[in-house]
Full PDB file with SEQRES, HELIX, SHEET, SSBOND, CRYST1, ORIGX, SCALE, CONECT and MASTER records, all heavy atoms in Angstrom:
SEQRES   1 A   30  VAL GLU GLY LEU THR PRO LYS GLU PHE ARG GLN GLN LYS          
SEQRES   2 A   30  ILE ASN ILE LEU ASN TYR THR ALA ILE VAL PHE THR SER          
SEQRES   3 A   30  ARG HIS ALA ILE                                              
HELIX    1 AA1 PRO A    6  ARG A   10  1                                   5    
HELIX    2 AA2 ILE A   16  ASN A   18  5                                   3    
CRYST1    1.000    1.000    1.000  90.00  90.00  90.00 P 1           1          
ORIGX1      1.000000  0.000000  0.000000        0.00000                         
ORIGX2      0.000000  1.000000  0.000000        0.00000                         
ORIGX3      0.000000  0.000000  1.000000        0.00000                         
SCALE1      1.000000  0.000000  0.000000        0.00000                         
SCALE2      0.000000  1.000000  0.000000        0.00000                         
SCALE3      0.000000  0.000000  1.000000        0.00000                         
ATOM      1  N   VAL A   1       0.851  -1.196   0.000  1.00  0.00           N  
ATOM      2  CA  VAL A   1       0.000   0.000   0.000  1.00  0.00           C  
ATOM      3  C   VAL A   1       0.880   1.236   0.000  1.00  0.00           C  
ATOM      4  O   VAL A   1       1.861   1.306   0.747  1.00  0.00           O  
ATOM      5  CB  VAL A   1      -0.920  -0.008   1.242  1.00  0.00           C  
ATOM      6  CG1 VAL A   1      -1.601   1.335   1.429  1.00  0.00           C  
ATOM      7  CG2 VAL A   1      -1.961  -1.104   1.115  1.00  0.00           C  
ATOM      8  N   GLU A   2       0.567   2.202  -0.848  1.00  0.00           N  
ATOM      9  CA  GLU A   2       1.291   3.471  -0.820  1.00  0.00           C  
ATOM     10  C   GLU A   2       0.282   4.618  -0.796  1.00  0.00           C  
ATOM     11  O   GLU A   2      -0.787   4.546  -1.402  1.00  0.00           O  
ATOM     12  CB  GLU A   2       2.268   3.594  -1.995  1.00  0.00           C  
ATOM     13  CG  GLU A   2       1.641   3.659  -3.353  1.00  0.00           C  
ATOM     14  CD  GLU A   2       2.659   3.840  -4.476  1.00  0.00           C  
ATOM     15  OE1 GLU A   2       3.807   3.387  -4.330  1.00  0.00           O  
ATOM     16  OE2 GLU A   2       2.285   4.412  -5.516  1.00  0.00           O  
ATOM     17  N   GLY A   3       0.621   5.660  -0.055  1.00  0.00           N  
ATOM     18  CA  GLY A   3      -0.280   6.791   0.086  1.00  0.00           C  
ATOM     19  C   GLY A   3      -0.264   7.710  -1.117  1.00  0.00           C  
ATOM     20  O   GLY A   3       0.719   7.758  -1.872  1.00  0.00           O  
ATOM     21  N   LEU A   4      -1.349   8.435  -1.293  1.00  0.00           N  
ATOM     22  CA  LEU A   4      -1.388   9.462  -2.331  1.00  0.00           C  
ATOM     23  C   LEU A   4      -0.537  10.653  -1.894  1.00  0.00           C  
ATOM     24  O   LEU A   4      -0.358  10.883  -0.695  1.00  0.00           O  
ATOM     25  CB  LEU A   4      -2.832   9.947  -2.534  1.00  0.00           C  
ATOM     26  CG  LEU A   4      -3.636   9.301  -3.673  1.00  0.00           C  
ATOM     27  CD1 LEU A   4      -3.774   7.813  -3.456  1.00  0.00           C  
ATOM     28  CD2 LEU A   4      -5.014   9.948  -3.773  1.00  0.00           C  
ATOM     29  N   THR A   5      -0.042  11.396  -2.843  1.00  0.00           N  
ATOM     30  CA  THR A   5       0.683  12.624  -2.514  1.00  0.00           C  
ATOM     31  C   THR A   5      -0.364  13.713  -2.218  1.00  0.00           C  
ATOM     32  O   THR A   5      -1.511  13.611  -2.661  1.00  0.00           O  
ATOM     33  CB  THR A   5       1.551  13.089  -3.698  1.00  0.00           C  
ATOM     34  OG1 THR A   5       0.665  13.413  -4.797  1.00  0.00           O  
ATOM     35  CG2 THR A   5       2.537  12.016  -4.129  1.00  0.00           C  
ATOM     36  N   PRO A   6       0.027  14.771  -1.479  1.00  0.00           N  
ATOM     37  CA  PRO A   6      -0.923  15.869  -1.234  1.00  0.00           C  
ATOM     38  C   PRO A   6      -1.512  16.419  -2.533  1.00  0.00           C  
ATOM     39  O   PRO A   6      -2.711  16.711  -2.610  1.00  0.00           O  
ATOM     40  CB  PRO A   6      -0.064  16.914  -0.518  1.00  0.00           C  
ATOM     41  CG  PRO A   6       0.958  16.102   0.215  1.00  0.00           C  
ATOM     42  CD  PRO A   6       1.282  14.969  -0.722  1.00  0.00           C  
ATOM     43  N   LYS A   7      -0.679  16.502  -3.583  1.00  0.00           N  
ATOM     44  CA  LYS A   7      -1.149  17.033  -4.868  1.00  0.00           C  
ATOM     45  C   LYS A   7      -2.254  16.135  -5.445  1.00  0.00           C  
ATOM     46  O   LYS A   7      -3.285  16.618  -5.926  1.00  0.00           O  
ATOM     47  CB  LYS A   7       0.021  17.125  -5.859  1.00  0.00           C  
ATOM     48  CG  LYS A   7      -0.357  17.757  -7.191  1.00  0.00           C  
ATOM     49  CD  LYS A   7       0.829  17.777  -8.153  1.00  0.00           C  
ATOM     50  CE  LYS A   7       0.423  18.331  -9.514  1.00  0.00           C  
ATOM     51  NZ  LYS A   7       1.531  18.278 -10.484  1.00  0.00           N  
ATOM     52  N   GLU A   8      -2.036  14.814  -5.383  1.00  0.00           N  
ATOM     53  CA  GLU A   8      -3.037  13.867  -5.893  1.00  0.00           C  
ATOM     54  C   GLU A   8      -4.327  13.959  -5.075  1.00  0.00           C  
ATOM     55  O   GLU A   8      -5.431  13.918  -5.621  1.00  0.00           O  
ATOM     56  CB  GLU A   8      -2.490  12.435  -5.824  1.00  0.00           C  
ATOM     57  CG  GLU A   8      -1.399  12.149  -6.846  1.00  0.00           C  
ATOM     58  CD  GLU A   8      -0.747  10.793  -6.625  1.00  0.00           C  
ATOM     59  OE1 GLU A   8      -0.554  10.398  -5.458  1.00  0.00           O  
ATOM     60  OE2 GLU A   8      -0.430  10.133  -7.618  1.00  0.00           O  
ATOM     61  N   PHE A   9      -4.168  14.084  -3.751  1.00  0.00           N  
ATOM     62  CA  PHE A   9      -5.342  14.146  -2.892  1.00  0.00           C  
ATOM     63  C   PHE A   9      -6.165  15.408  -3.161  1.00  0.00           C  
ATOM     64  O   PHE A   9      -7.394  15.364  -3.216  1.00  0.00           O  
ATOM     65  CB  PHE A   9      -4.938  14.081  -1.418  1.00  0.00           C  
ATOM     66  CG  PHE A   9      -6.109  14.191  -0.478  1.00  0.00           C  
ATOM     67  CD1 PHE A   9      -6.984  13.119  -0.324  1.00  0.00           C  
ATOM     68  CD2 PHE A   9      -6.371  15.372   0.204  1.00  0.00           C  
ATOM     69  CE1 PHE A   9      -8.097  13.220   0.518  1.00  0.00           C  
ATOM     70  CE2 PHE A   9      -7.477  15.480   1.042  1.00  0.00           C  
ATOM     71  CZ  PHE A   9      -8.339  14.403   1.203  1.00  0.00           C  
ATOM     72  N   ARG A  10      -5.480  16.529  -3.336  1.00  0.00           N  
ATOM     73  CA  ARG A  10      -6.178  17.816  -3.540  1.00  0.00           C  
ATOM     74  C   ARG A  10      -7.035  17.821  -4.798  1.00  0.00           C  
ATOM     75  O   ARG A  10      -8.015  18.562  -4.897  1.00  0.00           O  
ATOM     76  CB  ARG A  10      -5.153  18.962  -3.583  1.00  0.00           C  
ATOM     77  CG  ARG A  10      -4.573  19.291  -2.215  1.00  0.00           C  
ATOM     78  CD  ARG A  10      -3.762  20.586  -2.239  1.00  0.00           C  
ATOM     79  NE  ARG A  10      -3.066  20.796  -0.981  1.00  0.00           N  
ATOM     80  CZ  ARG A  10      -1.768  20.572  -0.794  1.00  0.00           C  
ATOM     81  NH1 ARG A  10      -1.019  20.131  -1.807  1.00  0.00           N  
ATOM     82  NH2 ARG A  10      -1.217  20.784   0.381  1.00  0.00           N  
ATOM     83  N   GLN A  11      -6.678  16.971  -5.769  1.00  0.00           N  
ATOM     84  CA  GLN A  11      -7.460  16.898  -7.012  1.00  0.00           C  
ATOM     85  C   GLN A  11      -8.895  16.422  -6.758  1.00  0.00           C  
ATOM     86  O   GLN A  11      -9.784  16.616  -7.589  1.00  0.00           O  
ATOM     87  CB  GLN A  11      -6.763  15.967  -8.017  1.00  0.00           C  
ATOM     88  CG  GLN A  11      -5.500  16.588  -8.605  1.00  0.00           C  
ATOM     89  CD  GLN A  11      -4.673  15.588  -9.403  1.00  0.00           C  
ATOM     90  OE1 GLN A  11      -5.015  14.416  -9.504  1.00  0.00           O  
ATOM     91  NE2 GLN A  11      -3.568  16.050  -9.977  1.00  0.00           N  
ATOM     92  N   GLN A  12      -9.117  15.803  -5.594  1.00  0.00           N  
ATOM     93  CA  GLN A  12     -10.461  15.309  -5.271  1.00  0.00           C  
ATOM     94  C   GLN A  12     -11.346  16.408  -4.676  1.00  0.00           C  
ATOM     95  O   GLN A  12     -12.528  16.172  -4.407  1.00  0.00           O  
ATOM     96  CB  GLN A  12     -10.361  14.137  -4.280  1.00  0.00           C  
ATOM     97  CG  GLN A  12      -9.623  12.941  -4.857  1.00  0.00           C  
ATOM     98  CD  GLN A  12      -9.440  11.841  -3.823  1.00  0.00           C  
ATOM     99  OE1 GLN A  12     -10.382  11.124  -3.470  1.00  0.00           O  
ATOM    100  NE2 GLN A  12      -8.218  11.704  -3.320  1.00  0.00           N  
ATOM    101  N   LYS A  13     -10.738  17.600  -4.469  1.00  0.00           N  
ATOM    102  CA  LYS A  13     -11.494  18.760  -3.946  1.00  0.00           C  
ATOM    103  C   LYS A  13     -12.176  18.459  -2.604  1.00  0.00           C  
ATOM    104  O   LYS A  13     -13.328  18.810  -2.380  1.00  0.00           O  
ATOM    105  CB  LYS A  13     -12.564  19.202  -4.961  1.00  0.00           C  
ATOM    106  CG  LYS A  13     -12.026  19.533  -6.363  1.00  0.00           C  
ATOM    107  CD  LYS A  13     -11.428  20.927  -6.411  1.00  0.00           C  
ATOM    108  CE  LYS A  13     -11.184  21.421  -7.817  1.00  0.00           C  
ATOM    109  NZ  LYS A  13     -10.154  20.704  -8.572  1.00  0.00           N  
ATOM    110  N   ILE A  14     -11.439  17.757  -1.738  1.00  0.00           N  
ATOM    111  CA  ILE A  14     -11.962  17.436  -0.404  1.00  0.00           C  
ATOM    112  C   ILE A  14     -11.222  18.275   0.632  1.00  0.00           C  
ATOM    113  O   ILE A  14      -9.984  18.260   0.675  1.00  0.00           O  
ATOM    114  CB  ILE A  14     -11.748  15.929  -0.065  1.00  0.00           C  
ATOM    115  CG1 ILE A  14     -12.614  15.033  -0.956  1.00  0.00           C  
ATOM    116  CG2 ILE A  14     -12.007  15.652   1.421  1.00  0.00           C  
ATOM    117  CD1 ILE A  14     -14.040  14.853  -0.521  1.00  0.00           C  
ATOM    118  N   ASN A  15     -11.967  19.016   1.450  1.00  0.00           N  
ATOM    119  CA  ASN A  15     -11.368  19.770   2.550  1.00  0.00           C  
ATOM    120  C   ASN A  15     -11.646  19.001   3.842  1.00  0.00           C  
ATOM    121  O   ASN A  15     -12.791  18.947   4.305  1.00  0.00           O  
ATOM    122  CB  ASN A  15     -11.962  21.182   2.618  1.00  0.00           C  
ATOM    123  CG  ASN A  15     -11.329  22.003   3.740  1.00  0.00           C  
ATOM    124  OD1 ASN A  15     -10.567  21.482   4.557  1.00  0.00           O  
ATOM    125  ND2 ASN A  15     -11.645  23.282   3.787  1.00  0.00           N  
ATOM    126  N   ILE A  16     -10.602  18.386   4.396  1.00  0.00           N  
ATOM    127  CA  ILE A  16     -10.763  17.522   5.575  1.00  0.00           C  
ATOM    128  C   ILE A  16     -11.442  18.260   6.729  1.00  0.00           C  
ATOM    129  O   ILE A  16     -12.267  17.691   7.453  1.00  0.00           O  
ATOM    130  CB  ILE A  16      -9.386  16.968   6.011  1.00  0.00           C  
ATOM    131  CG1 ILE A  16      -8.866  15.979   4.944  1.00  0.00           C  
ATOM    132  CG2 ILE A  16      -9.476  16.262   7.370  1.00  0.00           C  
ATOM    133  CD1 ILE A  16      -7.425  15.579   5.090  1.00  0.00           C  
ATOM    134  N   LEU A  17     -11.132  19.546   6.897  1.00  0.00           N  
ATOM    135  CA  LEU A  17     -11.683  20.307   8.026  1.00  0.00           C  
ATOM    136  C   LEU A  17     -13.171  20.650   7.868  1.00  0.00           C  
ATOM    137  O   LEU A  17     -13.789  21.201   8.774  1.00  0.00           O  
ATOM    138  CB  LEU A  17     -10.859  21.577   8.254  1.00  0.00           C  
ATOM    139  CG  LEU A  17      -9.396  21.324   8.669  1.00  0.00           C  
ATOM    140  CD1 LEU A  17      -8.663  22.627   8.848  1.00  0.00           C  
ATOM    141  CD2 LEU A  17      -9.326  20.484   9.943  1.00  0.00           C  
ATOM    142  N   ASN A  18     -13.738  20.284   6.715  1.00  0.00           N  
ATOM    143  CA  ASN A  18     -15.189  20.469   6.533  1.00  0.00           C  
ATOM    144  C   ASN A  18     -15.978  19.349   7.206  1.00  0.00           C  
ATOM    145  O   ASN A  18     -17.205  19.377   7.251  1.00  0.00           O  
ATOM    146  CB  ASN A  18     -15.556  20.485   5.045  1.00  0.00           C  
ATOM    147  CG  ASN A  18     -15.206  21.813   4.391  1.00  0.00           C  
ATOM    148  OD1 ASN A  18     -14.899  22.777   5.086  1.00  0.00           O  
ATOM    149  ND2 ASN A  18     -15.229  21.854   3.069  1.00  0.00           N  
ATOM    150  N   TYR A  19     -15.253  18.335   7.697  1.00  0.00           N  
ATOM    151  CA  TYR A  19     -15.900  17.148   8.263  1.00  0.00           C  
ATOM    152  C   TYR A  19     -15.689  17.084   9.776  1.00  0.00           C  
ATOM    153  O   TYR A  19     -14.673  17.546  10.292  1.00  0.00           O  
ATOM    154  CB  TYR A  19     -15.386  15.884   7.559  1.00  0.00           C  
ATOM    155  CG  TYR A  19     -15.714  15.934   6.081  1.00  0.00           C  
ATOM    156  CD1 TYR A  19     -14.851  16.553   5.182  1.00  0.00           C  
ATOM    157  CD2 TYR A  19     -16.923  15.445   5.611  1.00  0.00           C  
ATOM    158  CE1 TYR A  19     -15.171  16.680   3.836  1.00  0.00           C  
ATOM    159  CE2 TYR A  19     -17.258  15.552   4.271  1.00  0.00           C  
ATOM    160  CZ  TYR A  19     -16.388  16.169   3.385  1.00  0.00           C  
ATOM    161  OH  TYR A  19     -16.730  16.294   2.071  1.00  0.00           O  
ATOM    162  N   THR A  20     -16.665  16.477  10.462  1.00  0.00           N  
ATOM    163  CA  THR A  20     -16.612  16.411  11.933  1.00  0.00           C  
ATOM    164  C   THR A  20     -16.354  14.996  12.443  1.00  0.00           C  
ATOM    165  O   THR A  20     -16.147  14.785  13.628  1.00  0.00           O  
ATOM    166  CB  THR A  20     -17.948  16.900  12.525  1.00  0.00           C  
ATOM    167  OG1 THR A  20     -19.013  16.078  12.009  1.00  0.00           O  
ATOM    168  CG2 THR A  20     -18.201  18.364  12.165  1.00  0.00           C  
ATOM    169  N   ALA A  21     -16.369  14.009  11.523  1.00  0.00           N  
ATOM    170  CA  ALA A  21     -16.142  12.614  11.922  1.00  0.00           C  
ATOM    171  C   ALA A  21     -15.458  11.860  10.785  1.00  0.00           C  
ATOM    172  O   ALA A  21     -15.772  12.069   9.616  1.00  0.00           O  
ATOM    173  CB  ALA A  21     -17.469  11.946  12.282  1.00  0.00           C  
ATOM    174  N   ILE A  22     -14.517  11.000  11.151  1.00  0.00           N  
ATOM    175  CA  ILE A  22     -13.810  10.184  10.162  1.00  0.00           C  
ATOM    176  C   ILE A  22     -14.182   8.722  10.381  1.00  0.00           C  
ATOM    177  O   ILE A  22     -14.212   8.240  11.515  1.00  0.00           O  
ATOM    178  CB  ILE A  22     -12.266  10.330  10.296  1.00  0.00           C  
ATOM    179  CG1 ILE A  22     -11.858  11.805  10.425  1.00  0.00           C  
ATOM    180  CG2 ILE A  22     -11.564   9.672   9.105  1.00  0.00           C  
ATOM    181  CD1 ILE A  22     -12.139  12.673   9.229  1.00  0.00           C  
ATOM    182  N   VAL A  23     -14.450   8.004   9.282  1.00  0.00           N  
ATOM    183  CA  VAL A  23     -14.782   6.576   9.365  1.00  0.00           C  
ATOM    184  C   VAL A  23     -13.579   5.769   8.882  1.00  0.00           C  
ATOM    185  O   VAL A  23     -13.150   5.905   7.728  1.00  0.00           O  
ATOM    186  CB  VAL A  23     -16.022   6.245   8.498  1.00  0.00           C  
ATOM    187  CG1 VAL A  23     -16.379   4.761   8.620  1.00  0.00           C  
ATOM    188  CG2 VAL A  23     -17.207   7.107   8.907  1.00  0.00           C  
ATOM    189  N   PHE A  24     -13.033   4.928   9.766  1.00  0.00           N  
ATOM    190  CA  PHE A  24     -11.858   4.130   9.410  1.00  0.00           C  
ATOM    191  C   PHE A  24     -12.222   2.662   9.245  1.00  0.00           C  
ATOM    192  O   PHE A  24     -12.786   2.045  10.145  1.00  0.00           O  
ATOM    193  CB  PHE A  24     -10.775   4.253  10.482  1.00  0.00           C  
ATOM    194  CG  PHE A  24     -10.075   5.592  10.488  1.00  0.00           C  
ATOM    195  CD1 PHE A  24      -9.959   6.319  11.680  1.00  0.00           C  
ATOM    196  CD2 PHE A  24      -9.522   6.121   9.335  1.00  0.00           C  
ATOM    197  CE1 PHE A  24      -9.298   7.542  11.699  1.00  0.00           C  
ATOM    198  CE2 PHE A  24      -8.873   7.343   9.345  1.00  0.00           C  
ATOM    199  CZ  PHE A  24      -8.761   8.060  10.530  1.00  0.00           C  
ATOM    200  N   THR A  25     -11.871   2.091   8.087  1.00  0.00           N  
ATOM    201  CA  THR A  25     -12.154   0.681   7.821  1.00  0.00           C  
ATOM    202  C   THR A  25     -10.907  -0.196   7.935  1.00  0.00           C  
ATOM    203  O   THR A  25     -10.997  -1.413   7.858  1.00  0.00           O  
ATOM    204  CB  THR A  25     -12.740   0.520   6.399  1.00  0.00           C  
ATOM    205  OG1 THR A  25     -11.828   1.130   5.460  1.00  0.00           O  
ATOM    206  CG2 THR A  25     -14.091   1.197   6.287  1.00  0.00           C  
ATOM    207  N   SER A  26      -9.727   0.430   8.097  1.00  0.00           N  
ATOM    208  CA  SER A  26      -8.486  -0.347   8.198  1.00  0.00           C  
ATOM    209  C   SER A  26      -7.372   0.491   8.812  1.00  0.00           C  
ATOM    210  O   SER A  26      -7.474   1.720   8.907  1.00  0.00           O  
ATOM    211  CB  SER A  26      -8.036  -0.813   6.804  1.00  0.00           C  
ATOM    212  OG  SER A  26      -7.577   0.317   6.054  1.00  0.00           O  
ATOM    213  N   ARG A  27      -6.298  -0.182   9.200  1.00  0.00           N  
ATOM    214  CA  ARG A  27      -5.119   0.528   9.720  1.00  0.00           C  
ATOM    215  C   ARG A  27      -4.458   1.346   8.609  1.00  0.00           C  
ATOM    216  O   ARG A  27      -3.909   2.409   8.871  1.00  0.00           O  
ATOM    217  CB  ARG A  27      -4.116  -0.479  10.293  1.00  0.00           C  
ATOM    218  CG  ARG A  27      -4.606  -1.172  11.552  1.00  0.00           C  
ATOM    219  CD  ARG A  27      -3.547  -2.109  12.090  1.00  0.00           C  
ATOM    220  NE  ARG A  27      -4.035  -2.842  13.244  1.00  0.00           N  
ATOM    221  CZ  ARG A  27      -3.260  -3.607  13.995  1.00  0.00           C  
ATOM    222  NH1 ARG A  27      -1.977  -3.724  13.713  1.00  0.00           N  
ATOM    223  NH2 ARG A  27      -3.753  -4.261  15.031  1.00  0.00           N  
ATOM    224  N   HIS A  28      -4.515   0.820   7.388  1.00  0.00           N  
ATOM    225  CA  HIS A  28      -3.947   1.564   6.250  1.00  0.00           C  
ATOM    226  C   HIS A  28      -4.623   2.924   6.128  1.00  0.00           C  
ATOM    227  O   HIS A  28      -3.974   3.940   5.860  1.00  0.00           O  
ATOM    228  CB  HIS A  28      -4.146   0.794   4.938  1.00  0.00           C  
ATOM    229  CG  HIS A  28      -3.291  -0.427   4.813  1.00  0.00           C  
ATOM    230  ND1 HIS A  28      -1.937  -0.416   5.056  1.00  0.00           N  
ATOM    231  CD2 HIS A  28      -3.604  -1.695   4.463  1.00  0.00           C  
ATOM    232  CE1 HIS A  28      -1.455  -1.633   4.862  1.00  0.00           C  
ATOM    233  NE2 HIS A  28      -2.438  -2.424   4.509  1.00  0.00           N  
ATOM    234  N   ALA A  29      -5.952   2.934   6.329  1.00  0.00           N  
ATOM    235  CA  ALA A  29      -6.707   4.188   6.231  1.00  0.00           C  
ATOM    236  C   ALA A  29      -6.231   5.172   7.300  1.00  0.00           C  
ATOM    237  O   ALA A  29      -6.050   6.365   7.029  1.00  0.00           O  
ATOM    238  CB  ALA A  29      -8.197   3.912   6.375  1.00  0.00           C  
ATOM    239  N   ILE A  30      -6.008   4.677   8.523  1.00  0.00           N  
ATOM    240  CA  ILE A  30      -5.540   5.530   9.626  1.00  0.00           C  
ATOM    241  C   ILE A  30      -4.157   6.103   9.310  1.00  0.00           C  
ATOM    242  O   ILE A  30      -3.930   7.310   9.407  1.00  0.00           O  
ATOM    243  CB  ILE A  30      -5.502   4.739  10.954  1.00  0.00           C  
ATOM    244  CG1 ILE A  30      -6.925   4.381  11.391  1.00  0.00           C  
ATOM    245  CG2 ILE A  30      -4.804   5.544  12.056  1.00  0.00           C  
ATOM    246  CD1 ILE A  30      -7.009   3.479  12.622  1.00  0.00           C  
TER     247      ILE A  30                                                      
MASTER        0    0    0    2    0    0    0    6  246    1    0    3          
END                                                                             
């Protein structure tokens, strides 16, 4: 498993601070 780069992530137009809860399905996600 390899993580996305910040640049790749930003392309999804997601602002993490707009959310109040995170759902984790695996340690990789964490």
